[in-house]
């Protein structure tokens, strides 16, 4: 139950929140949009 909640709620919410700070930390916007797939279930093309 906790693993599913972590994957479905915590990672996307915190990932989106942290992605707002990427330009502040790195100095520029990311070239590739961040993904929240922590198990690599979806192949990126």
N, C-alpha and C. Protein backbone atom coordinates (compact mmCIF):
# COMPACT_ATOMS: atom_id res chain seq x y z
N UNK A 1 0.83 -1.19 0.00
CA UNK A 1 0.00 0.00 0.00
C UNK A 1 0.87 1.26 0.00
N UNK A 2 1.87 1.30 0.86
CA UNK A 2 2.74 2.49 0.90
C UNK A 2 3.56 2.64 -0.37
N UNK A 3 3.98 1.52 -0.94
CA UNK A 3 4.76 1.58 -2.18
C UNK A 3 3.92 2.18 -3.31
N UNK A 4 2.66 1.76 -3.38
CA UNK A 4 1.77 2.27 -4.42
C UNK A 4 1.48 3.76 -4.21
N UNK A 5 1.26 4.16 -2.96
CA UNK A 5 1.02 5.57 -2.65
C UNK A 5 2.25 6.41 -2.98
N UNK A 6 3.42 5.87 -2.69
CA UNK A 6 4.67 6.57 -2.99
C UNK A 6 4.80 6.81 -4.49
N UNK A 7 4.55 5.76 -5.29
CA UNK A 7 4.69 5.87 -6.73
C UNK A 7 3.63 6.75 -7.36
N UNK A 8 2.40 6.68 -6.85
CA UNK A 8 1.28 7.37 -7.49
C UNK A 8 1.07 8.80 -6.97
N UNK A 9 1.49 9.08 -5.74
CA UNK A 9 1.22 10.40 -5.16
C UNK A 9 2.50 11.17 -4.86
N UNK A 10 3.37 10.59 -4.05
CA UNK A 10 4.54 11.32 -3.56
C UNK A 10 5.49 11.72 -4.69
N UNK A 11 5.87 10.78 -5.55
CA UNK A 11 6.83 11.06 -6.61
C UNK A 11 6.32 12.13 -7.58
N UNK A 12 5.10 12.02 -8.11
CA UNK A 12 4.64 13.07 -9.03
C UNK A 12 4.51 14.44 -8.37
N UNK A 13 3.99 14.48 -7.15
CA UNK A 13 3.78 15.77 -6.48
C UNK A 13 5.13 16.42 -6.16
N UNK A 14 6.00 15.67 -5.51
CA UNK A 14 7.30 16.23 -5.15
C UNK A 14 8.15 16.50 -6.38
N UNK A 15 8.03 15.65 -7.40
CA UNK A 15 8.77 15.86 -8.64
C UNK A 15 8.37 17.15 -9.32
N UNK A 16 7.09 17.42 -9.38
CA UNK A 16 6.63 18.67 -9.99
C UNK A 16 7.05 19.88 -9.17
N UNK A 17 6.99 19.74 -7.86
CA UNK A 17 7.41 20.82 -6.98
C UNK A 17 8.91 21.11 -7.16
N UNK A 18 9.71 20.05 -7.15
CA UNK A 18 11.15 20.23 -7.32
C UNK A 18 11.51 20.71 -8.72
N UNK A 19 10.73 20.34 -9.73
CA UNK A 19 11.04 20.77 -11.09
C UNK A 19 10.90 22.28 -11.24
N UNK A 20 10.16 22.91 -10.35
CA UNK A 20 10.04 24.38 -10.37
C UNK A 20 11.36 25.03 -9.98
N UNK A 21 12.20 24.30 -9.25
CA UNK A 21 13.47 24.84 -8.78
C UNK A 21 14.64 24.53 -9.72
N UNK A 22 14.42 23.74 -10.78
CA UNK A 22 15.50 23.39 -11.70
C UNK A 22 16.16 24.63 -12.28
N UNK A 23 15.41 25.61 -12.79
CA UNK A 23 16.09 26.80 -13.34
C UNK A 23 16.90 27.55 -12.27
N UNK A 24 16.43 27.56 -11.06
CA UNK A 24 17.14 28.24 -9.99
C UNK A 24 18.45 27.51 -9.66
N UNK A 25 18.41 26.20 -9.62
CA UNK A 25 19.58 25.40 -9.27
C UNK A 25 20.58 25.33 -10.42
N UNK A 26 20.10 25.04 -11.62
CA UNK A 26 21.00 24.84 -12.75
C UNK A 26 21.27 26.11 -13.54
N UNK A 27 20.44 27.10 -13.37
CA UNK A 27 20.66 28.36 -14.08
C UNK A 27 19.94 28.46 -15.41
N UNK A 28 19.30 27.39 -15.86
CA UNK A 28 18.52 27.42 -17.10
C UNK A 28 17.43 26.37 -17.04
N UNK A 29 16.46 26.51 -17.93
CA UNK A 29 15.37 25.52 -17.98
C UNK A 29 15.90 24.21 -18.54
N UNK A 30 15.30 23.08 -18.14
CA UNK A 30 15.75 21.79 -18.67
C UNK A 30 15.40 21.65 -20.15
N UNK A 31 16.28 21.00 -20.91
CA UNK A 31 16.03 20.79 -22.33
C UNK A 31 15.03 19.67 -22.54
N UNK A 32 15.05 18.68 -21.66
CA UNK A 32 14.13 17.55 -21.73
C UNK A 32 13.18 17.64 -20.54
N UNK A 33 11.89 17.49 -20.81
CA UNK A 33 10.89 17.56 -19.75
C UNK A 33 11.12 16.43 -18.74
N UNK A 34 11.10 16.73 -17.44
CA UNK A 34 11.32 15.69 -16.43
C UNK A 34 10.24 14.62 -16.48
N UNK A 35 10.63 13.39 -16.18
CA UNK A 35 9.69 12.28 -16.12
C UNK A 35 9.58 11.81 -14.68
N UNK A 36 8.44 11.28 -14.33
CA UNK A 36 8.20 10.83 -12.96
C UNK A 36 8.05 9.32 -12.93
N UNK A 37 8.58 8.64 -13.96
CA UNK A 37 8.51 7.19 -14.06
C UNK A 37 9.72 6.61 -13.34
N UNK A 38 9.55 6.25 -12.07
CA UNK A 38 10.69 5.79 -11.27
C UNK A 38 11.03 4.33 -11.51
N UNK A 39 10.14 3.58 -12.14
CA UNK A 39 10.41 2.17 -12.42
C UNK A 39 10.83 1.95 -13.87
N UNK A 40 10.94 2.98 -14.66
CA UNK A 40 11.29 2.91 -16.07
C UNK A 40 10.35 1.99 -16.84
N UNK A 41 9.05 2.10 -16.53
CA UNK A 41 8.05 1.27 -17.19
C UNK A 41 7.76 1.78 -18.60
N UNK A 42 7.87 3.07 -18.80
CA UNK A 42 7.61 3.65 -20.11
C UNK A 42 8.94 3.93 -20.78
N UNK A 43 9.05 3.56 -22.04
CA UNK A 43 10.28 3.81 -22.80
C UNK A 43 10.23 5.24 -23.31
N UNK A 44 11.35 5.96 -23.15
CA UNK A 44 11.42 7.31 -23.70
C UNK A 44 11.97 7.21 -25.12
N UNK A 45 11.43 8.00 -26.01
CA UNK A 45 11.87 7.93 -27.40
C UNK A 45 12.75 9.09 -27.75
